[in-house]
Amino acid sequence: YLFGRICKQKSNNSVILRNYETLEAD
C-alpha cells in the first residue's frame, strides 16, 4: 500500500527552544 506522512508547517513562534540547564528560552 502507499504509506506515508502528511505534514503541516507550524509557525516558528508557536514553539520555543529551551536550554534546560539555564532555563533560557529562544
mmCIF file of all heavy atoms, coordinates in Angstrom:
data_MODEL
# 
_entry.id   MODEL 
# 
loop_
_atom_site.group_PDB 
_atom_site.id 
_atom_site.type_symbol 
_atom_site.label_atom_id 
_atom_site.label_alt_id 
_atom_site.label_comp_id 
_atom_site.label_asym_id 
_atom_site.label_entity_id 
_atom_site.label_seq_id 
_atom_site.pdbx_PDB_ins_code 
_atom_site.Cartn_x 
_atom_site.Cartn_y 
_atom_site.Cartn_z 
_atom_site.occupancy 
_atom_site.B_iso_or_equiv 
_atom_site.pdbx_formal_charge 
_atom_site.auth_seq_id 
_atom_site.auth_comp_id 
_atom_site.auth_asym_id 
_atom_site.auth_atom_id 
_atom_site.pdbx_PDB_model_num 
ATOM 1   N N   . TYR A 1 1  ? 0.843  -1.185 0.000  1.00 0.00 ? 1  TYR A N   1 
ATOM 2   C CA  . TYR A 1 1  ? 0.000  0.000  0.000  1.00 0.00 ? 1  TYR A CA  1 
ATOM 3   C C   . TYR A 1 1  ? 0.884  1.243  0.000  1.00 0.00 ? 1  TYR A C   1 
ATOM 4   O O   . TYR A 1 1  ? 2.039  1.199  0.408  1.00 0.00 ? 1  TYR A O   1 
ATOM 5   C CB  . TYR A 1 1  ? -0.896 0.041  1.245  1.00 0.00 ? 1  TYR A CB  1 
ATOM 6   C CG  . TYR A 1 1  ? -1.622 -1.244 1.564  1.00 0.00 ? 1  TYR A CG  1 
ATOM 7   C CD1 . TYR A 1 1  ? -1.305 -1.981 2.704  1.00 0.00 ? 1  TYR A CD1 1 
ATOM 8   C CD2 . TYR A 1 1  ? -2.627 -1.721 0.725  1.00 0.00 ? 1  TYR A CD2 1 
ATOM 9   C CE1 . TYR A 1 1  ? -1.978 -3.158 3.008  1.00 0.00 ? 1  TYR A CE1 1 
ATOM 10  C CE2 . TYR A 1 1  ? -3.294 -2.903 1.018  1.00 0.00 ? 1  TYR A CE2 1 
ATOM 11  C CZ  . TYR A 1 1  ? -2.967 -3.622 2.165  1.00 0.00 ? 1  TYR A CZ  1 
ATOM 12  O OH  . TYR A 1 1  ? -3.627 -4.786 2.455  1.00 0.00 ? 1  TYR A OH  1 
ATOM 13  N N   . LEU A 1 2  ? 0.320  2.370  -0.436 1.00 0.00 ? 2  LEU A N   1 
ATOM 14  C CA  . LEU A 1 2  ? 1.004  3.645  -0.284 1.00 0.00 ? 2  LEU A CA  1 
ATOM 15  C C   . LEU A 1 2  ? 0.885  4.069  1.174  1.00 0.00 ? 2  LEU A C   1 
ATOM 16  O O   . LEU A 1 2  ? -0.217 4.246  1.694  1.00 0.00 ? 2  LEU A O   1 
ATOM 17  C CB  . LEU A 1 2  ? 0.367  4.694  -1.190 1.00 0.00 ? 2  LEU A CB  1 
ATOM 18  C CG  . LEU A 1 2  ? 0.909  6.128  -1.035 1.00 0.00 ? 2  LEU A CG  1 
ATOM 19  C CD1 . LEU A 1 2  ? 2.380  6.192  -1.433 1.00 0.00 ? 2  LEU A CD1 1 
ATOM 20  C CD2 . LEU A 1 2  ? 0.085  7.105  -1.862 1.00 0.00 ? 2  LEU A CD2 1 
ATOM 21  N N   . PHE A 1 3  ? 2.016  4.219  1.841  1.00 0.00 ? 3  PHE A N   1 
ATOM 22  C CA  . PHE A 1 3  ? 2.026  4.575  3.257  1.00 0.00 ? 3  PHE A CA  1 
ATOM 23  C C   . PHE A 1 3  ? 2.972  5.751  3.467  1.00 0.00 ? 3  PHE A C   1 
ATOM 24  O O   . PHE A 1 3  ? 4.073  5.786  2.905  1.00 0.00 ? 3  PHE A O   1 
ATOM 25  C CB  . PHE A 1 3  ? 2.486  3.399  4.113  1.00 0.00 ? 3  PHE A CB  1 
ATOM 26  C CG  . PHE A 1 3  ? 2.701  3.755  5.562  1.00 0.00 ? 3  PHE A CG  1 
ATOM 27  C CD1 . PHE A 1 3  ? 1.624  3.954  6.412  1.00 0.00 ? 3  PHE A CD1 1 
ATOM 28  C CD2 . PHE A 1 3  ? 3.984  3.929  6.057  1.00 0.00 ? 3  PHE A CD2 1 
ATOM 29  C CE1 . PHE A 1 3  ? 1.819  4.300  7.740  1.00 0.00 ? 3  PHE A CE1 1 
ATOM 30  C CE2 . PHE A 1 3  ? 4.191  4.272  7.384  1.00 0.00 ? 3  PHE A CE2 1 
ATOM 31  C CZ  . PHE A 1 3  ? 3.105  4.460  8.227  1.00 0.00 ? 3  PHE A CZ  1 
ATOM 32  N N   . GLY A 1 4  ? 2.522  6.716  4.255  1.00 0.00 ? 4  GLY A N   1 
ATOM 33  C CA  . GLY A 1 4  ? 3.388  7.854  4.491  1.00 0.00 ? 4  GLY A CA  1 
ATOM 34  C C   . GLY A 1 4  ? 2.835  8.824  5.515  1.00 0.00 ? 4  GLY A C   1 
ATOM 35  O O   . GLY A 1 4  ? 1.918  8.506  6.284  1.00 0.00 ? 4  GLY A O   1 
ATOM 36  N N   . ARG A 1 5  ? 3.408  10.030 5.502  1.00 0.00 ? 5  ARG A N   1 
ATOM 37  C CA  . ARG A 1 5  ? 3.017  11.088 6.420  1.00 0.00 ? 5  ARG A CA  1 
ATOM 38  C C   . ARG A 1 5  ? 2.511  12.293 5.630  1.00 0.00 ? 5  ARG A C   1 
ATOM 39  O O   . ARG A 1 5  ? 3.059  12.643 4.577  1.00 0.00 ? 5  ARG A O   1 
ATOM 40  C CB  . ARG A 1 5  ? 4.213  11.546 7.268  1.00 0.00 ? 5  ARG A CB  1 
ATOM 41  C CG  . ARG A 1 5  ? 4.804  10.498 8.185  1.00 0.00 ? 5  ARG A CG  1 
ATOM 42  C CD  . ARG A 1 5  ? 5.943  11.078 9.023  1.00 0.00 ? 5  ARG A CD  1 
ATOM 43  N NE  . ARG A 1 5  ? 7.055  11.481 8.187  1.00 0.00 ? 5  ARG A NE  1 
ATOM 44  C CZ  . ARG A 1 5  ? 8.122  10.742 7.949  1.00 0.00 ? 5  ARG A CZ  1 
ATOM 45  N NH1 . ARG A 1 5  ? 8.232  9.536  8.514  1.00 0.00 ? 5  ARG A NH1 1 
ATOM 46  N NH2 . ARG A 1 5  ? 9.092  11.170 7.176  1.00 0.00 ? 5  ARG A NH2 1 
ATOM 47  N N   . ILE A 1 6  ? 1.472  12.942 6.158  1.00 0.00 ? 6  ILE A N   1 
ATOM 48  C CA  . ILE A 1 6  ? 1.056  14.256 5.670  1.00 0.00 ? 6  ILE A CA  1 
ATOM 49  C C   . ILE A 1 6  ? 1.499  15.260 6.723  1.00 0.00 ? 6  ILE A C   1 
ATOM 50  O O   . ILE A 1 6  ? 1.130  15.140 7.894  1.00 0.00 ? 6  ILE A O   1 
ATOM 51  C CB  . ILE A 1 6  ? -0.468 14.352 5.475  1.00 0.00 ? 6  ILE A CB  1 
ATOM 52  C CG1 . ILE A 1 6  ? -1.011 13.153 4.708  1.00 0.00 ? 6  ILE A CG1 1 
ATOM 53  C CG2 . ILE A 1 6  ? -0.830 15.638 4.743  1.00 0.00 ? 6  ILE A CG2 1 
ATOM 54  C CD1 . ILE A 1 6  ? -2.519 13.106 4.649  1.00 0.00 ? 6  ILE A CD1 1 
ATOM 55  N N   . CYS A 1 7  ? 2.278  16.245 6.316  1.00 0.00 ? 7  CYS A N   1 
ATOM 56  C CA  . CYS A 1 7  ? 2.929  17.144 7.274  1.00 0.00 ? 7  CYS A CA  1 
ATOM 57  C C   . CYS A 1 7  ? 2.495  18.592 7.031  1.00 0.00 ? 7  CYS A C   1 
ATOM 58  O O   . CYS A 1 7  ? 2.343  19.021 5.885  1.00 0.00 ? 7  CYS A O   1 
ATOM 59  C CB  . CYS A 1 7  ? 4.441  17.043 7.154  1.00 0.00 ? 7  CYS A CB  1 
ATOM 60  S SG  . CYS A 1 7  ? 5.074  15.344 7.201  1.00 0.00 ? 7  CYS A SG  1 
ATOM 61  N N   . LYS A 1 8  ? 2.335  19.325 8.125  1.00 0.00 ? 8  LYS A N   1 
ATOM 62  C CA  . LYS A 1 8  ? 1.912  20.727 8.065  1.00 0.00 ? 8  LYS A CA  1 
ATOM 63  C C   . LYS A 1 8  ? 2.872  21.579 8.876  1.00 0.00 ? 8  LYS A C   1 
ATOM 64  O O   . LYS A 1 8  ? 3.173  21.273 10.027 1.00 0.00 ? 8  LYS A O   1 
ATOM 65  C CB  . LYS A 1 8  ? 0.491  20.866 8.620  1.00 0.00 ? 8  LYS A CB  1 
ATOM 66  C CG  . LYS A 1 8  ? -0.014 22.294 8.719  1.00 0.00 ? 8  LYS A CG  1 
ATOM 67  C CD  . LYS A 1 8  ? -1.381 22.330 9.399  1.00 0.00 ? 8  LYS A CD  1 
ATOM 68  C CE  . LYS A 1 8  ? -1.865 23.750 9.590  1.00 0.00 ? 8  LYS A CE  1 
ATOM 69  N NZ  . LYS A 1 8  ? -3.171 23.780 10.310 1.00 0.00 ? 8  LYS A NZ  1 
ATOM 70  N N   . GLN A 1 9  ? 3.355  22.641 8.282  1.00 0.00 ? 9  GLN A N   1 
ATOM 71  C CA  . GLN A 1 9  ? 4.283  23.543 8.947  1.00 0.00 ? 9  GLN A CA  1 
ATOM 72  C C   . GLN A 1 9  ? 3.594  24.308 10.075 1.00 0.00 ? 9  GLN A C   1 
ATOM 73  O O   . GLN A 1 9  ? 2.469  24.790 9.929  1.00 0.00 ? 9  GLN A O   1 
ATOM 74  C CB  . GLN A 1 9  ? 4.862  24.526 7.930  1.00 0.00 ? 9  GLN A CB  1 
ATOM 75  C CG  . GLN A 1 9  ? 5.851  25.529 8.503  1.00 0.00 ? 9  GLN A CG  1 
ATOM 76  C CD  . GLN A 1 9  ? 6.213  26.603 7.488  1.00 0.00 ? 9  GLN A CD  1 
ATOM 77  O OE1 . GLN A 1 9  ? 5.496  26.818 6.518  1.00 0.00 ? 9  GLN A OE1 1 
ATOM 78  N NE2 . GLN A 1 9  ? 7.328  27.277 7.725  1.00 0.00 ? 9  GLN A NE2 1 
ATOM 79  N N   . LYS A 1 10 ? 4.270  24.421 11.200 1.00 0.00 ? 10 LYS A N   1 
ATOM 80  C CA  . LYS A 1 10 ? 3.839  25.287 12.287 1.00 0.00 ? 10 LYS A CA  1 
ATOM 81  C C   . LYS A 1 10 ? 4.667  26.568 12.264 1.00 0.00 ? 10 LYS A C   1 
ATOM 82  O O   . LYS A 1 10 ? 5.829  26.559 11.853 1.00 0.00 ? 10 LYS A O   1 
ATOM 83  C CB  . LYS A 1 10 ? 4.006  24.599 13.650 1.00 0.00 ? 10 LYS A CB  1 
ATOM 84  C CG  . LYS A 1 10 ? 3.000  23.493 13.898 1.00 0.00 ? 10 LYS A CG  1 
ATOM 85  C CD  . LYS A 1 10 ? 3.197  22.860 15.257 1.00 0.00 ? 10 LYS A CD  1 
ATOM 86  C CE  . LYS A 1 10 ? 2.824  23.797 16.392 1.00 0.00 ? 10 LYS A CE  1 
ATOM 87  N NZ  . LYS A 1 10 ? 1.369  24.033 16.478 1.00 0.00 ? 10 LYS A NZ  1 
ATOM 88  N N   . SER A 1 11 ? 4.074  27.658 12.691 1.00 0.00 ? 11 SER A N   1 
ATOM 89  C CA  . SER A 1 11 ? 4.809  28.917 12.702 1.00 0.00 ? 11 SER A CA  1 
ATOM 90  C C   . SER A 1 11 ? 5.955  28.837 13.703 1.00 0.00 ? 11 SER A C   1 
ATOM 91  O O   . SER A 1 11 ? 5.854  28.181 14.749 1.00 0.00 ? 11 SER A O   1 
ATOM 92  C CB  . SER A 1 11 ? 3.878  30.076 13.057 1.00 0.00 ? 11 SER A CB  1 
ATOM 93  O OG  . SER A 1 11 ? 3.278  29.868 14.318 1.00 0.00 ? 11 SER A OG  1 
ATOM 94  N N   . ASN A 1 12 ? 7.041  29.484 13.368 1.00 0.00 ? 12 ASN A N   1 
ATOM 95  C CA  . ASN A 1 12 ? 8.250  29.432 14.176 1.00 0.00 ? 12 ASN A CA  1 
ATOM 96  C C   . ASN A 1 12 ? 8.023  29.950 15.595 1.00 0.00 ? 12 ASN A C   1 
ATOM 97  O O   . ASN A 1 12 ? 8.653  29.497 16.555 1.00 0.00 ? 12 ASN A O   1 
ATOM 98  C CB  . ASN A 1 12 ? 9.365  30.230 13.488 1.00 0.00 ? 12 ASN A CB  1 
ATOM 99  C CG  . ASN A 1 12 ? 10.708 30.051 14.160 1.00 0.00 ? 12 ASN A CG  1 
ATOM 100 O OD1 . ASN A 1 12 ? 11.038 28.956 14.605 1.00 0.00 ? 12 ASN A OD1 1 
ATOM 101 N ND2 . ASN A 1 12 ? 11.486 31.126 14.234 1.00 0.00 ? 12 ASN A ND2 1 
ATOM 102 N N   . ASN A 1 13 ? 7.090  30.901 15.745 1.00 0.00 ? 13 ASN A N   1 
ATOM 103 C CA  . ASN A 1 13 ? 6.854  31.479 17.074 1.00 0.00 ? 13 ASN A CA  1 
ATOM 104 C C   . ASN A 1 13 ? 5.766  30.757 17.868 1.00 0.00 ? 13 ASN A C   1 
ATOM 105 O O   . ASN A 1 13 ? 5.321  31.243 18.896 1.00 0.00 ? 13 ASN A O   1 
ATOM 106 C CB  . ASN A 1 13 ? 6.528  32.972 16.972 1.00 0.00 ? 13 ASN A CB  1 
ATOM 107 C CG  . ASN A 1 13 ? 5.282  33.248 16.145 1.00 0.00 ? 13 ASN A CG  1 
ATOM 108 O OD1 . ASN A 1 13 ? 4.574  32.316 15.751 1.00 0.00 ? 13 ASN A OD1 1 
ATOM 109 N ND2 . ASN A 1 13 ? 5.026  34.517 15.861 1.00 0.00 ? 13 ASN A ND2 1 
ATOM 110 N N   . SER A 1 14 ? 5.341  29.576 17.375 1.00 0.00 ? 14 SER A N   1 
ATOM 111 C CA  . SER A 1 14 ? 4.328  28.813 18.112 1.00 0.00 ? 14 SER A CA  1 
ATOM 112 C C   . SER A 1 14 ? 4.955  27.849 19.111 1.00 0.00 ? 14 SER A C   1 
ATOM 113 O O   . SER A 1 14 ? 4.270  27.274 19.955 1.00 0.00 ? 14 SER A O   1 
ATOM 114 C CB  . SER A 1 14 ? 3.433  28.030 17.148 1.00 0.00 ? 14 SER A CB  1 
ATOM 115 O OG  . SER A 1 14 ? 4.175  27.038 16.459 1.00 0.00 ? 14 SER A OG  1 
ATOM 116 N N   . VAL A 1 15 ? 6.266  27.640 18.999 1.00 0.00 ? 15 VAL A N   1 
ATOM 117 C CA  . VAL A 1 15 ? 7.012  26.822 19.949 1.00 0.00 ? 15 VAL A CA  1 
ATOM 118 C C   . VAL A 1 15 ? 8.307  27.557 20.287 1.00 0.00 ? 15 VAL A C   1 
ATOM 119 O O   . VAL A 1 15 ? 8.716  28.481 19.568 1.00 0.00 ? 15 VAL A O   1 
ATOM 120 C CB  . VAL A 1 15 ? 7.330  25.409 19.393 1.00 0.00 ? 15 VAL A CB  1 
ATOM 121 C CG1 . VAL A 1 15 ? 6.074  24.599 19.175 1.00 0.00 ? 15 VAL A CG1 1 
ATOM 122 C CG2 . VAL A 1 15 ? 8.130  25.519 18.104 1.00 0.00 ? 15 VAL A CG2 1 
ATOM 123 N N   . ILE A 1 16 ? 8.943  27.160 21.372 1.00 0.00 ? 16 ILE A N   1 
ATOM 124 C CA  . ILE A 1 16 ? 10.208 27.785 21.756 1.00 0.00 ? 16 ILE A CA  1 
ATOM 125 C C   . ILE A 1 16 ? 11.271 26.717 21.967 1.00 0.00 ? 16 ILE A C   1 
ATOM 126 O O   . ILE A 1 16 ? 10.960 25.544 22.186 1.00 0.00 ? 16 ILE A O   1 
ATOM 127 C CB  . ILE A 1 16 ? 10.063 28.634 23.036 1.00 0.00 ? 16 ILE A CB  1 
ATOM 128 C CG1 . ILE A 1 16 ? 9.573  27.772 24.213 1.00 0.00 ? 16 ILE A CG1 1 
ATOM 129 C CG2 . ILE A 1 16 ? 9.164  29.824 22.808 1.00 0.00 ? 16 ILE A CG2 1 
ATOM 130 C CD1 . ILE A 1 16 ? 9.531  28.517 25.534 1.00 0.00 ? 16 ILE A CD1 1 
ATOM 131 N N   . LEU A 1 17 ? 12.521 27.157 21.896 1.00 0.00 ? 17 LEU A N   1 
ATOM 132 C CA  . LEU A 1 17 ? 13.663 26.298 22.172 1.00 0.00 ? 17 LEU A CA  1 
ATOM 133 C C   . LEU A 1 17 ? 14.195 26.660 23.560 1.00 0.00 ? 17 LEU A C   1 
ATOM 134 O O   . LEU A 1 17 ? 14.471 27.828 23.837 1.00 0.00 ? 17 LEU A O   1 
ATOM 135 C CB  . LEU A 1 17 ? 14.752 26.523 21.117 1.00 0.00 ? 17 LEU A CB  1 
ATOM 136 C CG  . LEU A 1 17 ? 16.027 25.697 21.255 1.00 0.00 ? 17 LEU A CG  1 
ATOM 137 C CD1 . LEU A 1 17 ? 15.730 24.224 20.984 1.00 0.00 ? 17 LEU A CD1 1 
ATOM 138 C CD2 . LEU A 1 17 ? 17.091 26.208 20.286 1.00 0.00 ? 17 LEU A CD2 1 
ATOM 139 N N   . ARG A 1 18 ? 14.308 25.654 24.451 1.00 0.00 ? 18 ARG A N   1 
ATOM 140 C CA  . ARG A 1 18 ? 14.739 25.952 25.812 1.00 0.00 ? 18 ARG A CA  1 
ATOM 141 C C   . ARG A 1 18 ? 15.985 25.156 26.183 1.00 0.00 ? 18 ARG A C   1 
ATOM 142 O O   . ARG A 1 18 ? 16.093 23.965 25.887 1.00 0.00 ? 18 ARG A O   1 
ATOM 143 C CB  . ARG A 1 18 ? 13.623 25.632 26.819 1.00 0.00 ? 18 ARG A CB  1 
ATOM 144 C CG  . ARG A 1 18 ? 13.982 26.040 28.260 1.00 0.00 ? 18 ARG A CG  1 
ATOM 145 C CD  . ARG A 1 18 ? 12.848 25.733 29.223 1.00 0.00 ? 18 ARG A CD  1 
ATOM 146 N NE  . ARG A 1 18 ? 11.632 26.432 28.892 1.00 0.00 ? 18 ARG A NE  1 
ATOM 147 C CZ  . ARG A 1 18 ? 11.384 27.708 29.201 1.00 0.00 ? 18 ARG A CZ  1 
ATOM 148 N NH1 . ARG A 1 18 ? 12.298 28.426 29.844 1.00 0.00 ? 18 ARG A NH1 1 
ATOM 149 N NH2 . ARG A 1 18 ? 10.242 28.257 28.868 1.00 0.00 ? 18 ARG A NH2 1 
ATOM 150 N N   . ASN A 1 19 ? 16.909 25.820 26.833 1.00 0.00 ? 19 ASN A N   1 
ATOM 151 C CA  . ASN A 1 19 ? 18.076 25.185 27.420 1.00 0.00 ? 19 ASN A CA  1 
ATOM 152 C C   . ASN A 1 19 ? 17.706 24.784 28.846 1.00 0.00 ? 19 ASN A C   1 
ATOM 153 O O   . ASN A 1 19 ? 17.486 25.649 29.696 1.00 0.00 ? 19 ASN A O   1 
ATOM 154 C CB  . ASN A 1 19 ? 19.259 26.156 27.423 1.00 0.00 ? 19 ASN A CB  1 
ATOM 155 C CG  . ASN A 1 19 ? 20.530 25.520 27.957 1.00 0.00 ? 19 ASN A CG  1 
ATOM 156 O OD1 . ASN A 1 19 ? 20.505 24.684 28.859 1.00 0.00 ? 19 ASN A OD1 1 
ATOM 157 N ND2 . ASN A 1 19 ? 21.667 25.943 27.412 1.00 0.00 ? 19 ASN A ND2 1 
ATOM 158 N N   . TYR A 1 20 ? 17.628 23.483 29.123 1.00 0.00 ? 20 TYR A N   1 
ATOM 159 C CA  . TYR A 1 20 ? 17.154 23.048 30.436 1.00 0.00 ? 20 TYR A CA  1 
ATOM 160 C C   . TYR A 1 20 ? 18.220 23.153 31.523 1.00 0.00 ? 20 TYR A C   1 
ATOM 161 O O   . TYR A 1 20 ? 17.918 22.958 32.699 1.00 0.00 ? 20 TYR A O   1 
ATOM 162 C CB  . TYR A 1 20 ? 16.603 21.628 30.348 1.00 0.00 ? 20 TYR A CB  1 
ATOM 163 C CG  . TYR A 1 20 ? 15.270 21.577 29.630 1.00 0.00 ? 20 TYR A CG  1 
ATOM 164 C CD1 . TYR A 1 20 ? 15.155 20.954 28.390 1.00 0.00 ? 20 TYR A CD1 1 
ATOM 165 C CD2 . TYR A 1 20 ? 14.148 22.190 30.176 1.00 0.00 ? 20 TYR A CD2 1 
ATOM 166 C CE1 . TYR A 1 20 ? 13.939 20.932 27.722 1.00 0.00 ? 20 TYR A CE1 1 
ATOM 167 C CE2 . TYR A 1 20 ? 12.933 22.179 29.507 1.00 0.00 ? 20 TYR A CE2 1 
ATOM 168 C CZ  . TYR A 1 20 ? 12.830 21.547 28.286 1.00 0.00 ? 20 TYR A CZ  1 
ATOM 169 O OH  . TYR A 1 20 ? 11.621 21.542 27.624 1.00 0.00 ? 20 TYR A OH  1 
ATOM 170 N N   . GLU A 1 21 ? 19.434 23.478 31.156 1.00 0.00 ? 21 GLU A N   1 
ATOM 171 C CA  . GLU A 1 21 ? 20.444 23.745 32.178 1.00 0.00 ? 21 GLU A CA  1 
ATOM 172 C C   . GLU A 1 21 ? 20.327 25.169 32.715 1.00 0.00 ? 21 GLU A C   1 
ATOM 173 O O   . GLU A 1 21 ? 20.468 25.422 33.906 1.00 0.00 ? 21 GLU A O   1 
ATOM 174 C CB  . GLU A 1 21 ? 21.844 23.499 31.598 1.00 0.00 ? 21 GLU A CB  1 
ATOM 175 C CG  . GLU A 1 21 ? 22.122 22.036 31.284 1.00 0.00 ? 21 GLU A CG  1 
ATOM 176 C CD  . GLU A 1 21 ? 23.521 21.826 30.741 1.00 0.00 ? 21 GLU A CD  1 
ATOM 177 O OE1 . GLU A 1 21 ? 24.204 22.847 30.448 1.00 0.00 ? 21 GLU A OE1 1 
ATOM 178 O OE2 . GLU A 1 21 ? 23.938 20.660 30.597 1.00 0.00 ? 21 GLU A OE2 1 
ATOM 179 N N   . THR A 1 22 ? 20.041 26.107 31.790 1.00 0.00 ? 22 THR A N   1 
ATOM 180 C CA  . THR A 1 22 ? 19.925 27.512 32.198 1.00 0.00 ? 22 THR A CA  1 
ATOM 181 C C   . THR A 1 22 ? 18.484 27.996 32.234 1.00 0.00 ? 22 THR A C   1 
ATOM 182 O O   . THR A 1 22 ? 18.209 29.089 32.738 1.00 0.00 ? 22 THR A O   1 
ATOM 183 C CB  . THR A 1 22 ? 20.705 28.402 31.226 1.00 0.00 ? 22 THR A CB  1 
ATOM 184 O OG1 . THR A 1 22 ? 20.090 28.321 29.919 1.00 0.00 ? 22 THR A OG1 1 
ATOM 185 C CG2 . THR A 1 22 ? 22.152 27.954 31.117 1.00 0.00 ? 22 THR A CG2 1 
ATOM 186 N N   . LEU A 1 23 ? 17.545 27.193 31.658 1.00 0.00 ? 23 LEU A N   1 
ATOM 187 C CA  . LEU A 1 23 ? 16.128 27.545 31.505 1.00 0.00 ? 23 LEU A CA  1 
ATOM 188 C C   . LEU A 1 23 ? 15.921 28.727 30.564 1.00 0.00 ? 23 LEU A C   1 
ATOM 189 O O   . LEU A 1 23 ? 14.820 29.289 30.499 1.00 0.00 ? 23 LEU A O   1 
ATOM 190 C CB  . LEU A 1 23 ? 15.469 27.841 32.865 1.00 0.00 ? 23 LEU A CB  1 
ATOM 191 C CG  . LEU A 1 23 ? 15.430 26.665 33.848 1.00 0.00 ? 23 LEU A CG  1 
ATOM 192 C CD1 . LEU A 1 23 ? 14.643 27.048 35.105 1.00 0.00 ? 23 LEU A CD1 1 
ATOM 193 C CD2 . LEU A 1 23 ? 14.820 25.423 33.207 1.00 0.00 ? 23 LEU A CD2 1 
ATOM 194 N N   . GLU A 1 24 ? 16.953 29.079 29.817 1.00 0.00 ? 24 GLU A N   1 
ATOM 195 C CA  . GLU A 1 24 ? 16.825 30.181 28.858 1.00 0.00 ? 24 GLU A CA  1 
ATOM 196 C C   . GLU A 1 24 ? 15.980 29.717 27.668 1.00 0.00 ? 24 GLU A C   1 
ATOM 197 O O   . GLU A 1 24 ? 16.143 28.606 27.157 1.00 0.00 ? 24 GLU A O   1 
ATOM 198 C CB  . GLU A 1 24 ? 18.209 30.622 28.384 1.00 0.00 ? 24 GLU A CB  1 
ATOM 199 C CG  . GLU A 1 24 ? 18.166 31.798 27.427 1.00 0.00 ? 24 GLU A CG  1 
ATOM 200 C CD  . GLU A 1 24 ? 19.554 32.196 26.944 1.00 0.00 ? 24 GLU A CD  1 
ATOM 201 O OE1 . GLU A 1 24 ? 20.535 31.537 27.355 1.00 0.00 ? 24 GLU A OE1 1 
ATOM 202 O OE2 . GLU A 1 24 ? 19.642 33.161 26.174 1.00 0.00 ? 24 GLU A OE2 1 
ATOM 203 N N   . ALA A 1 25 ? 15.074 30.588 27.212 1.00 0.00 ? 25 ALA A N   1 
ATOM 204 C CA  . ALA A 1 25 ? 14.205 30.291 26.070 1.00 0.00 ? 25 ALA A CA  1 
ATOM 205 C C   . ALA A 1 25 ? 14.603 31.162 24.883 1.00 0.00 ? 25 ALA A C   1 
ATOM 206 O O   . ALA A 1 25 ? 15.040 32.302 25.037 1.00 0.00 ? 25 ALA A O   1 
ATOM 207 C CB  . ALA A 1 25 ? 12.755 30.533 26.439 1.00 0.00 ? 25 ALA A CB  1 
ATOM 208 N N   . ASP A 1 26 ? 14.414 30.585 23.686 1.00 0.00 ? 26 ASP A N   1 
ATOM 209 C CA  . ASP A 1 26 ? 14.772 31.319 22.483 1.00 0.00 ? 26 ASP A CA  1 
ATOM 210 C C   . ASP A 1 26 ? 13.918 30.804 21.332 1.00 0.00 ? 26 ASP A C   1 
ATOM 211 O O   . ASP A 1 26 ? 13.227 29.780 21.447 1.00 0.00 ? 26 ASP A O   1 
ATOM 212 C CB  . ASP A 1 26 ? 16.261 31.117 22.174 1.00 0.00 ? 26 ASP A CB  1 
ATOM 213 C CG  . ASP A 1 26 ? 16.810 32.199 21.233 1.00 0.00 ? 26 ASP A CG  1 
ATOM 214 O OD1 . ASP A 1 26 ? 16.000 33.020 20.755 1.00 0.00 ? 26 ASP A OD1 1 
ATOM 215 O OD2 . ASP A 1 26 ? 18.029 32.201 20.993 1.00 0.00 ? 26 ASP A OD2 1 
# 
